């Protein structure tokens, strides 16, 4: 299974994926790390922002909220995948805004970004560090990062082939 993570900044009540090769779509919180070939992620069945049907976010005026829509494919991948976004609504049912990258303000806006992955074949060796209290220990070391790691967020309006839509989700290679 191949996975592509799509970050969306703001509320997204509906995303349509109509494409051969796509086997599943699920949602994780914006701070979750979803690796490219991770088929056992705990958010697959539901998360703090998604109950399996509806995405719900809570925030204050002018606050940026985010989540990830994860697209899973079969072993052949999927080509020319596009995300269709229905404008989000507030608790009263009023539209929050439209897709205007970088245009934040009273009317609200949202932005769709595609997450791309880099392949780390061997993690840089880390030296033992001190923890935040200054005592020796490994508590400040990040987790081991090897394989396909989520990295760059590319705006959907970037040029196709350079990260923009339509997206090609490659065949699974482990």
N, C-alpha and C. Protein backbone atom coordinates (compact mmCIF):
# COMPACT_ATOMS: atom_id res chain seq x y z
N UNK A 1 0.85 -1.16 0.00
CA UNK A 1 0.00 0.00 0.00
C UNK A 1 0.89 1.23 0.00
N UNK A 2 0.54 2.20 -0.80
CA UNK A 2 1.25 3.47 -0.84
C UNK A 2 0.37 4.53 -0.21
N UNK A 3 0.97 5.50 0.46
CA UNK A 3 0.21 6.51 1.18
C UNK A 3 0.69 7.88 0.75
N UNK A 4 -0.24 8.79 0.57
CA UNK A 4 0.09 10.19 0.36
C UNK A 4 -0.66 10.98 1.41
N UNK A 5 0.01 11.85 2.09
CA UNK A 5 -0.64 12.69 3.10
C UNK A 5 -0.90 14.06 2.50
N UNK A 6 -2.10 14.55 2.70
CA UNK A 6 -2.47 15.88 2.23
C UNK A 6 -2.81 16.71 3.45
N UNK A 7 -2.12 17.79 3.64
CA UNK A 7 -2.44 18.70 4.74
C UNK A 7 -3.43 19.73 4.24
N UNK A 8 -4.40 20.05 5.04
CA UNK A 8 -5.36 21.09 4.70
C UNK A 8 -5.43 22.03 5.89
N UNK A 9 -5.20 23.31 5.66
CA UNK A 9 -5.25 24.28 6.73
C UNK A 9 -6.65 24.86 6.78
N UNK A 10 -7.36 24.60 7.81
CA UNK A 10 -8.74 25.03 8.10
C UNK A 10 -9.65 23.83 8.07
N UNK A 11 -10.93 24.07 8.14
CA UNK A 11 -11.92 22.99 8.23
C UNK A 11 -12.29 22.51 6.85
N UNK A 12 -12.36 21.21 6.66
CA UNK A 12 -12.71 20.63 5.37
C UNK A 12 -13.79 19.59 5.57
N UNK A 13 -15.06 19.92 5.33
CA UNK A 13 -16.11 18.97 5.62
C UNK A 13 -16.23 17.84 4.62
N UNK A 14 -15.77 18.01 3.40
CA UNK A 14 -15.93 16.94 2.42
C UNK A 14 -14.79 16.97 1.43
N UNK A 15 -14.20 15.81 1.18
CA UNK A 15 -13.19 15.67 0.15
C UNK A 15 -13.60 14.48 -0.69
N UNK A 16 -13.60 14.63 -1.98
CA UNK A 16 -14.01 13.55 -2.87
C UNK A 16 -12.80 12.99 -3.59
N UNK A 17 -12.61 11.68 -3.54
CA UNK A 17 -11.54 11.01 -4.25
C UNK A 17 -12.21 9.95 -5.13
N UNK A 18 -12.29 10.23 -6.39
CA UNK A 18 -12.91 9.29 -7.33
C UNK A 18 -11.83 8.85 -8.30
N UNK A 19 -11.16 7.77 -7.98
CA UNK A 19 -10.03 7.38 -8.80
C UNK A 19 -9.74 5.90 -8.62
N UNK A 20 -9.48 5.23 -9.74
CA UNK A 20 -9.08 3.82 -9.67
C UNK A 20 -7.75 3.73 -8.96
N UNK A 21 -7.57 2.72 -8.15
CA UNK A 21 -6.33 2.52 -7.43
C UNK A 21 -6.37 3.02 -6.01
N UNK A 22 -7.30 3.90 -5.68
CA UNK A 22 -7.42 4.40 -4.31
C UNK A 22 -8.24 3.40 -3.50
N UNK A 23 -7.66 2.93 -2.40
CA UNK A 23 -8.30 1.91 -1.59
C UNK A 23 -8.83 2.42 -0.26
N UNK A 24 -8.43 3.62 0.14
CA UNK A 24 -8.91 4.14 1.41
C UNK A 24 -8.55 5.60 1.59
N UNK A 25 -9.35 6.29 2.40
CA UNK A 25 -9.11 7.67 2.76
C UNK A 25 -9.43 7.81 4.23
N UNK A 26 -8.53 8.41 5.01
CA UNK A 26 -8.77 8.63 6.42
C UNK A 26 -8.10 9.93 6.85
N UNK A 27 -8.37 10.35 8.07
CA UNK A 27 -7.93 11.67 8.52
C UNK A 27 -7.16 11.56 9.84
N UNK A 28 -6.07 12.29 9.93
CA UNK A 28 -5.27 12.36 11.16
C UNK A 28 -5.10 13.84 11.53
N UNK A 29 -4.81 14.08 12.79
CA UNK A 29 -4.53 15.44 13.24
C UNK A 29 -3.29 15.99 12.56
N UNK A 30 -3.16 17.30 12.53
CA UNK A 30 -2.05 17.93 11.84
C UNK A 30 -0.69 17.62 12.41
N UNK A 31 -0.60 17.30 13.68
CA UNK A 31 0.70 17.04 14.29
C UNK A 31 1.10 15.56 14.25
N UNK A 32 0.23 14.71 13.73
CA UNK A 32 0.56 13.28 13.62
C UNK A 32 1.60 13.07 12.53
N UNK A 33 2.54 12.19 12.75
CA UNK A 33 3.51 11.84 11.72
C UNK A 33 3.03 10.56 11.06
N UNK A 34 2.76 10.65 9.77
CA UNK A 34 2.28 9.49 9.00
C UNK A 34 3.35 9.17 7.96
N UNK A 35 3.98 8.01 8.11
CA UNK A 35 5.04 7.60 7.20
C UNK A 35 4.44 7.04 5.92
N UNK A 36 5.23 7.05 4.86
CA UNK A 36 4.72 6.71 3.54
C UNK A 36 4.12 5.31 3.45
N UNK A 37 4.69 4.32 4.02
CA UNK A 37 4.17 2.96 3.90
C UNK A 37 3.64 2.45 5.23
N UNK A 38 3.12 3.33 6.05
CA UNK A 38 2.63 2.95 7.37
C UNK A 38 1.17 2.51 7.27
N UNK A 39 0.95 1.20 7.27
CA UNK A 39 -0.42 0.70 7.13
C UNK A 39 -1.07 0.35 8.46
N UNK A 40 -0.41 0.65 9.57
CA UNK A 40 -0.96 0.34 10.89
C UNK A 40 -1.07 1.58 11.77
N UNK A 41 -1.27 2.75 11.18
CA UNK A 41 -1.33 3.98 11.96
C UNK A 41 -2.57 3.97 12.85
N UNK A 42 -2.45 4.40 14.11
CA UNK A 42 -3.59 4.36 15.04
C UNK A 42 -4.76 5.28 14.64
N UNK A 43 -4.55 6.24 13.77
CA UNK A 43 -5.64 7.15 13.38
C UNK A 43 -6.49 6.63 12.21
N UNK A 44 -6.17 5.46 11.67
CA UNK A 44 -6.92 4.94 10.52
C UNK A 44 -8.41 4.78 10.83
N UNK A 45 -8.74 4.42 12.02
CA UNK A 45 -10.15 4.20 12.37
C UNK A 45 -10.83 5.41 12.99
N UNK A 46 -10.09 6.47 13.23
CA UNK A 46 -10.64 7.66 13.85
C UNK A 46 -9.52 8.39 14.58
N UNK A 47 -9.71 9.68 14.76
CA UNK A 47 -8.67 10.48 15.40
C UNK A 47 -9.31 11.58 16.22
N UNK A 48 -8.49 12.46 16.75
CA UNK A 48 -9.00 13.56 17.57
C UNK A 48 -9.80 14.56 16.75
N UNK A 49 -9.65 14.57 15.43
CA UNK A 49 -10.37 15.52 14.59
C UNK A 49 -11.39 14.86 13.66
N UNK A 50 -11.43 13.52 13.64
CA UNK A 50 -12.27 12.81 12.68
C UNK A 50 -12.90 11.59 13.34
N UNK A 51 -14.22 11.46 13.19
CA UNK A 51 -14.93 10.32 13.79
C UNK A 51 -15.20 9.20 12.78
N UNK A 52 -14.60 9.27 11.63
CA UNK A 52 -14.84 8.28 10.59
C UNK A 52 -15.74 8.82 9.49
N UNK A 53 -16.42 9.93 9.74
CA UNK A 53 -17.31 10.56 8.76
C UNK A 53 -17.10 12.07 8.66
N UNK A 54 -16.95 12.72 9.80
CA UNK A 54 -16.92 14.17 9.85
C UNK A 54 -15.63 14.68 10.48
N UNK A 55 -15.08 15.75 9.90
CA UNK A 55 -13.90 16.40 10.45
C UNK A 55 -14.39 17.59 11.26
N UNK A 56 -13.96 17.67 12.52
CA UNK A 56 -14.36 18.78 13.39
C UNK A 56 -13.12 19.40 14.03
N UNK A 57 -12.98 20.70 13.85
CA UNK A 57 -11.89 21.45 14.43
C UNK A 57 -12.45 22.60 15.24
N UNK A 58 -11.77 22.96 16.29
CA UNK A 58 -12.19 24.09 17.13
C UNK A 58 -11.02 25.04 17.26
N UNK A 59 -11.28 26.32 17.05
CA UNK A 59 -10.22 27.31 17.18
C UNK A 59 -10.80 28.68 17.37
N UNK A 60 -9.94 29.63 17.61
CA UNK A 60 -10.32 31.01 17.82
C UNK A 60 -10.13 31.80 16.54
N UNK A 61 -10.67 33.01 16.52
CA UNK A 61 -10.54 33.90 15.38
C UNK A 61 -9.07 34.06 14.99
N UNK A 62 -8.79 34.00 13.71
CA UNK A 62 -7.46 34.16 13.14
C UNK A 62 -6.48 33.06 13.53
N UNK A 63 -6.97 31.96 14.02
CA UNK A 63 -6.11 30.83 14.38
C UNK A 63 -6.02 29.88 13.19
N UNK A 64 -4.85 29.31 12.96
CA UNK A 64 -4.67 28.34 11.89
C UNK A 64 -4.91 26.95 12.46
N UNK A 65 -5.80 26.21 11.84
CA UNK A 65 -6.12 24.84 12.24
C UNK A 65 -5.71 23.92 11.10
N UNK A 66 -5.27 22.72 11.43
CA UNK A 66 -4.85 21.83 10.36
C UNK A 66 -5.16 20.38 10.67
N UNK A 67 -5.18 19.59 9.63
CA UNK A 67 -5.34 18.15 9.72
C UNK A 67 -4.82 17.55 8.42
N UNK A 68 -4.71 16.22 8.39
CA UNK A 68 -4.20 15.53 7.22
C UNK A 68 -5.25 14.58 6.68
N UNK A 69 -5.43 14.59 5.39
CA UNK A 69 -6.25 13.60 4.71
C UNK A 69 -5.28 12.60 4.09
N UNK A 70 -5.37 11.36 4.49
CA UNK A 70 -4.44 10.33 4.03
C UNK A 70 -5.12 9.52 2.93
N UNK A 71 -4.46 9.41 1.79
CA UNK A 71 -4.98 8.66 0.65
C UNK A 71 -4.14 7.40 0.51
N UNK A 72 -4.81 6.23 0.56
CA UNK A 72 -4.12 4.95 0.40
C UNK A 72 -4.44 4.40 -0.98
N UNK A 73 -3.44 3.75 -1.59
CA UNK A 73 -3.65 3.15 -2.90
C UNK A 73 -3.29 1.68 -2.88
N UNK A 74 -3.66 1.00 -3.95
CA UNK A 74 -3.24 -0.39 -4.09
C UNK A 74 -1.77 -0.42 -4.49
N UNK A 75 -1.23 -1.58 -4.80
CA UNK A 75 0.20 -1.72 -5.07
C UNK A 75 0.64 -1.02 -6.35
N UNK A 76 -0.29 -0.63 -7.21
CA UNK A 76 0.07 0.05 -8.45
C UNK A 76 0.10 1.57 -8.32
N UNK A 77 -0.38 2.10 -7.19
CA UNK A 77 -0.42 3.54 -7.02
C UNK A 77 -1.61 4.14 -7.76
N UNK A 78 -1.62 5.45 -7.91
CA UNK A 78 -2.69 6.15 -8.61
C UNK A 78 -2.13 7.40 -9.25
N UNK A 79 -2.55 7.67 -10.46
CA UNK A 79 -2.06 8.85 -11.16
C UNK A 79 -3.14 9.91 -11.31
N UNK A 80 -2.72 11.14 -11.43
CA UNK A 80 -3.62 12.28 -11.67
C UNK A 80 -4.72 12.40 -10.62
N UNK A 81 -4.34 12.28 -9.35
CA UNK A 81 -5.30 12.40 -8.25
C UNK A 81 -5.49 13.89 -7.92
N UNK A 82 -6.73 14.31 -7.84
CA UNK A 82 -7.04 15.70 -7.48
C UNK A 82 -7.95 15.71 -6.26
N UNK A 83 -7.78 16.72 -5.44
CA UNK A 83 -8.61 16.90 -4.25
C UNK A 83 -9.66 17.96 -4.57
N UNK A 84 -10.92 17.63 -4.33
CA UNK A 84 -12.00 18.60 -4.50
C UNK A 84 -12.46 19.02 -3.12
N UNK A 85 -12.49 20.31 -2.88
CA UNK A 85 -12.78 20.82 -1.55
C UNK A 85 -14.10 21.57 -1.54
N UNK A 86 -14.96 21.19 -0.63
CA UNK A 86 -16.18 21.93 -0.37
C UNK A 86 -15.84 22.98 0.69
N UNK A 87 -16.18 24.25 0.48
CA UNK A 87 -15.83 25.25 1.48
C UNK A 87 -16.32 24.86 2.87
N UNK A 88 -15.48 25.04 3.88
CA UNK A 88 -15.85 24.67 5.25
C UNK A 88 -16.92 25.61 5.81
N UNK A 89 -17.61 25.12 6.84
CA UNK A 89 -18.65 25.91 7.50
C UNK A 89 -18.36 25.98 8.99
N UNK A 90 -18.88 27.04 9.62
CA UNK A 90 -18.72 27.16 11.07
C UNK A 90 -19.86 26.42 11.76
N UNK A 91 -19.88 26.47 13.09
CA UNK A 91 -20.89 25.74 13.86
C UNK A 91 -22.30 26.17 13.51
N UNK A 92 -22.48 27.40 13.05
CA UNK A 92 -23.80 27.90 12.66
C UNK A 92 -24.18 27.55 11.23
N UNK A 93 -23.31 26.86 10.51
CA UNK A 93 -23.60 26.45 9.15
C UNK A 93 -23.22 27.47 8.09
N UNK A 94 -22.57 28.58 8.48
CA UNK A 94 -22.15 29.60 7.52
C UNK A 94 -20.78 29.26 6.95
N UNK A 95 -20.59 29.53 5.67
CA UNK A 95 -19.31 29.28 5.03
C UNK A 95 -18.22 30.13 5.69
N UNK A 96 -17.04 29.53 5.88
CA UNK A 96 -15.93 30.21 6.53
C UNK A 96 -15.13 31.03 5.53
N UNK A 97 -15.11 30.67 4.31
CA UNK A 97 -14.33 31.39 3.32
C UNK A 97 -14.10 30.52 2.11
N UNK A 98 -13.12 30.87 1.32
CA UNK A 98 -12.79 30.04 0.18
C UNK A 98 -11.28 29.84 0.12
N UNK A 99 -10.87 29.07 -0.86
CA UNK A 99 -9.45 28.74 -0.94
C UNK A 99 -8.68 29.93 -1.49
N UNK A 100 -7.99 30.62 -0.60
CA UNK A 100 -7.16 31.76 -0.96
C UNK A 100 -5.85 31.65 -0.20
N UNK A 101 -4.88 30.95 -0.76
CA UNK A 101 -3.62 30.77 -0.04
C UNK A 101 -3.01 32.09 0.42
N UNK A 102 -2.66 32.14 1.69
CA UNK A 102 -1.99 33.30 2.25
C UNK A 102 -2.88 34.50 2.51
N UNK A 103 -4.18 34.40 2.23
CA UNK A 103 -5.10 35.52 2.42
C UNK A 103 -5.93 35.28 3.67
N UNK A 104 -5.37 35.54 4.84
CA UNK A 104 -6.06 35.30 6.09
C UNK A 104 -6.77 36.58 6.50
N UNK A 105 -7.94 36.46 7.07
CA UNK A 105 -8.67 37.64 7.49
C UNK A 105 -10.04 37.29 8.02
N UNK A 106 -10.89 38.29 8.21
CA UNK A 106 -12.20 38.07 8.83
C UNK A 106 -13.08 37.07 8.08
N UNK A 107 -12.97 37.02 6.75
CA UNK A 107 -13.80 36.09 5.98
C UNK A 107 -13.32 34.66 6.07
N UNK A 108 -12.10 34.48 6.51
CA UNK A 108 -11.53 33.14 6.60
C UNK A 108 -11.05 32.63 5.26
N UNK A 109 -10.20 31.66 5.28
CA UNK A 109 -9.71 31.03 4.07
C UNK A 109 -9.15 29.67 4.43
N UNK A 110 -8.87 28.87 3.44
CA UNK A 110 -8.22 27.58 3.67
C UNK A 110 -7.26 27.32 2.54
N UNK A 111 -6.33 26.42 2.79
CA UNK A 111 -5.32 26.09 1.80
C UNK A 111 -5.08 24.59 1.80
N UNK A 112 -4.98 24.02 0.62
CA UNK A 112 -4.70 22.60 0.46
C UNK A 112 -3.23 22.46 0.08
N UNK A 113 -2.53 21.62 0.83
CA UNK A 113 -1.11 21.36 0.60
C UNK A 113 -0.90 19.87 0.45
N UNK A 114 0.01 19.46 -0.39
CA UNK A 114 0.36 18.05 -0.54
C UNK A 114 1.66 17.80 0.18
N UNK A 115 1.69 16.75 0.99
CA UNK A 115 2.91 16.42 1.70
C UNK A 115 3.73 15.46 0.86
N UNK A 116 4.99 15.79 0.71
CA UNK A 116 5.90 14.93 -0.04
C UNK A 116 6.89 14.29 0.92
N UNK A 117 7.50 13.21 0.48
CA UNK A 117 8.37 12.41 1.33
C UNK A 117 9.79 12.41 0.79
N UNK A 118 10.75 12.31 1.71
CA UNK A 118 12.14 12.12 1.31
C UNK A 118 12.59 10.77 1.86
N UNK A 119 13.48 10.12 1.14
CA UNK A 119 13.97 8.83 1.59
C UNK A 119 15.29 9.01 2.32
N UNK A 120 15.30 8.64 3.59
CA UNK A 120 16.51 8.69 4.41
C UNK A 120 17.00 7.25 4.51
N UNK A 121 18.15 6.97 3.90
CA UNK A 121 18.64 5.60 3.89
C UNK A 121 19.42 5.25 5.15
N UNK A 122 20.08 6.25 5.74
CA UNK A 122 20.80 6.01 6.98
C UNK A 122 20.78 7.29 7.79
N UNK A 123 20.27 7.19 9.00
CA UNK A 123 20.20 8.36 9.87
C UNK A 123 21.60 8.77 10.30
N UNK A 124 21.82 10.07 10.40
CA UNK A 124 23.09 10.58 10.89
C UNK A 124 23.31 10.10 12.32
N UNK A 125 24.51 9.68 12.63
CA UNK A 125 24.81 9.22 13.98
C UNK A 125 24.65 10.38 14.96
N UNK A 126 24.01 10.10 16.07
CA UNK A 126 23.78 11.13 17.07
C UNK A 126 24.65 10.88 18.29
N UNK A 127 25.14 11.95 18.84
CA UNK A 127 25.94 11.84 20.06
C UNK A 127 25.01 11.98 21.26
N UNK A 128 25.39 11.39 22.36
CA UNK A 128 24.57 11.47 23.56
C UNK A 128 24.48 12.93 24.02
N UNK A 129 23.26 13.38 24.29
CA UNK A 129 23.03 14.76 24.70
C UNK A 129 22.54 14.81 26.13
N UNK A 130 22.43 16.02 26.64
CA UNK A 130 21.86 16.17 27.97
C UNK A 130 20.38 16.48 27.84
N UNK A 131 19.59 16.15 28.86
CA UNK A 131 18.17 16.44 28.80
C UNK A 131 17.94 17.91 29.13
N UNK A 132 16.70 18.34 29.16
CA UNK A 132 16.39 19.76 29.34
C UNK A 132 16.80 20.30 30.69
N UNK A 133 17.07 19.45 31.65
CA UNK A 133 17.56 19.90 32.96
C UNK A 133 19.08 19.99 33.00
N UNK A 134 19.72 19.57 31.92
CA UNK A 134 21.17 19.62 31.87
C UNK A 134 21.84 18.34 32.33
N UNK A 135 21.05 17.37 32.76
CA UNK A 135 21.62 16.10 33.21
C UNK A 135 21.88 15.20 32.00
N UNK A 136 22.91 14.36 32.06
CA UNK A 136 23.17 13.45 30.94
C UNK A 136 21.98 12.53 30.72
N UNK A 137 21.72 12.23 29.47
CA UNK A 137 20.62 11.32 29.15
C UNK A 137 20.27 11.39 27.68
N UNK A 138 19.35 10.53 27.27
CA UNK A 138 18.94 10.46 25.87
C UNK A 138 17.58 11.11 25.63
N UNK A 139 17.01 11.79 26.61
CA UNK A 139 15.64 12.28 26.47
C UNK A 139 15.49 13.35 25.40
N UNK A 140 16.56 14.02 25.01
CA UNK A 140 16.44 15.06 23.99
C UNK A 140 16.69 14.52 22.58
N UNK A 141 17.04 13.25 22.46
CA UNK A 141 17.28 12.69 21.14
C UNK A 141 15.95 12.44 20.43
N UNK A 142 15.84 12.82 19.13
CA UNK A 142 14.61 12.51 18.40
C UNK A 142 14.54 11.02 18.10
N UNK A 143 13.34 10.54 17.76
CA UNK A 143 13.23 9.12 17.41
C UNK A 143 14.02 8.83 16.13
N UNK A 144 14.32 7.60 15.95
CA UNK A 144 15.08 7.20 14.77
C UNK A 144 14.28 7.53 13.51
N UNK A 145 14.92 8.15 12.53
CA UNK A 145 14.23 8.57 11.33
C UNK A 145 14.92 7.98 10.10
N UNK A 146 14.41 6.84 9.63
CA UNK A 146 14.92 6.22 8.43
C UNK A 146 13.73 5.80 7.57
N UNK A 147 13.97 5.64 6.29
CA UNK A 147 12.92 5.26 5.36
C UNK A 147 12.30 6.50 4.72
N UNK A 148 11.05 6.38 4.30
CA UNK A 148 10.35 7.49 3.66
C UNK A 148 9.73 8.37 4.74
N UNK A 149 10.26 9.58 4.90
CA UNK A 149 9.88 10.50 5.98
C UNK A 149 9.06 11.65 5.40
N UNK A 150 7.91 11.98 6.05
CA UNK A 150 7.13 13.13 5.57
C UNK A 150 7.94 14.41 5.75
N UNK A 151 7.92 15.27 4.71
CA UNK A 151 8.78 16.45 4.76
C UNK A 151 8.08 17.68 4.21
N UNK A 152 8.26 17.98 2.95
CA UNK A 152 7.81 19.25 2.37
C UNK A 152 6.30 19.30 2.17
N UNK A 153 5.72 20.47 2.41
CA UNK A 153 4.31 20.74 2.12
C UNK A 153 4.28 21.65 0.89
N UNK A 154 3.65 21.16 -0.18
CA UNK A 154 3.63 21.88 -1.45
C UNK A 154 2.21 22.36 -1.74
N UNK A 155 2.02 23.65 -2.06
CA UNK A 155 0.68 24.15 -2.38
C UNK A 155 0.08 23.42 -3.57
N UNK A 156 -1.22 23.20 -3.54
CA UNK A 156 -1.87 22.47 -4.63
C UNK A 156 -1.78 23.21 -5.94
N UNK A 157 -1.55 24.52 -5.91
CA UNK A 157 -1.46 25.29 -7.15
C UNK A 157 -0.04 25.36 -7.70
N UNK A 158 0.90 24.62 -7.09
CA UNK A 158 2.23 24.51 -7.68
C UNK A 158 2.10 23.78 -9.02
N UNK A 159 3.10 23.87 -9.84
CA UNK A 159 3.02 23.23 -11.15
C UNK A 159 2.92 21.72 -11.01
N UNK A 160 2.07 21.09 -11.84
CA UNK A 160 1.99 19.63 -11.85
C UNK A 160 3.37 19.03 -12.12
N UNK A 161 3.69 17.96 -11.45
CA UNK A 161 5.01 17.35 -11.57
C UNK A 161 6.02 17.94 -10.60
N UNK A 162 5.71 19.12 -10.06
CA UNK A 162 6.59 19.75 -9.08
C UNK A 162 5.88 19.85 -7.73
N UNK A 163 4.89 19.01 -7.52
CA UNK A 163 4.20 18.98 -6.24
C UNK A 163 2.75 19.42 -6.29
N UNK A 164 2.36 20.11 -7.35
CA UNK A 164 0.98 20.58 -7.45
C UNK A 164 0.05 19.51 -7.98
N UNK A 165 -1.25 19.85 -7.98
CA UNK A 165 -2.23 18.90 -8.49
C UNK A 165 -2.30 18.98 -10.00
N UNK A 166 -2.61 17.87 -10.67
CA UNK A 166 -2.92 16.57 -10.09
C UNK A 166 -1.67 15.88 -9.55
N UNK A 167 -1.88 15.05 -8.53
CA UNK A 167 -0.79 14.33 -7.86
C UNK A 167 -0.70 12.90 -8.38
N UNK A 168 0.50 12.42 -8.47
CA UNK A 168 0.72 11.00 -8.76
C UNK A 168 1.18 10.35 -7.47
N UNK A 169 0.46 9.34 -7.03
CA UNK A 169 0.86 8.57 -5.85
C UNK A 169 1.56 7.33 -6.40
N UNK A 170 2.87 7.21 -6.16
CA UNK A 170 3.63 6.13 -6.77
C UNK A 170 3.26 4.75 -6.22
N UNK A 171 3.63 3.75 -7.02
CA UNK A 171 3.41 2.37 -6.58
C UNK A 171 4.19 2.12 -5.31
N UNK A 172 3.73 1.18 -4.52
CA UNK A 172 4.36 0.86 -3.25
C UNK A 172 5.74 0.26 -3.49
N UNK A 173 6.75 0.87 -2.90
CA UNK A 173 8.13 0.34 -2.88
C UNK A 173 8.60 0.43 -1.46
N UNK A 174 8.98 -0.64 -0.87
CA UNK A 174 9.39 -0.62 0.53
C UNK A 174 10.87 -0.75 0.68
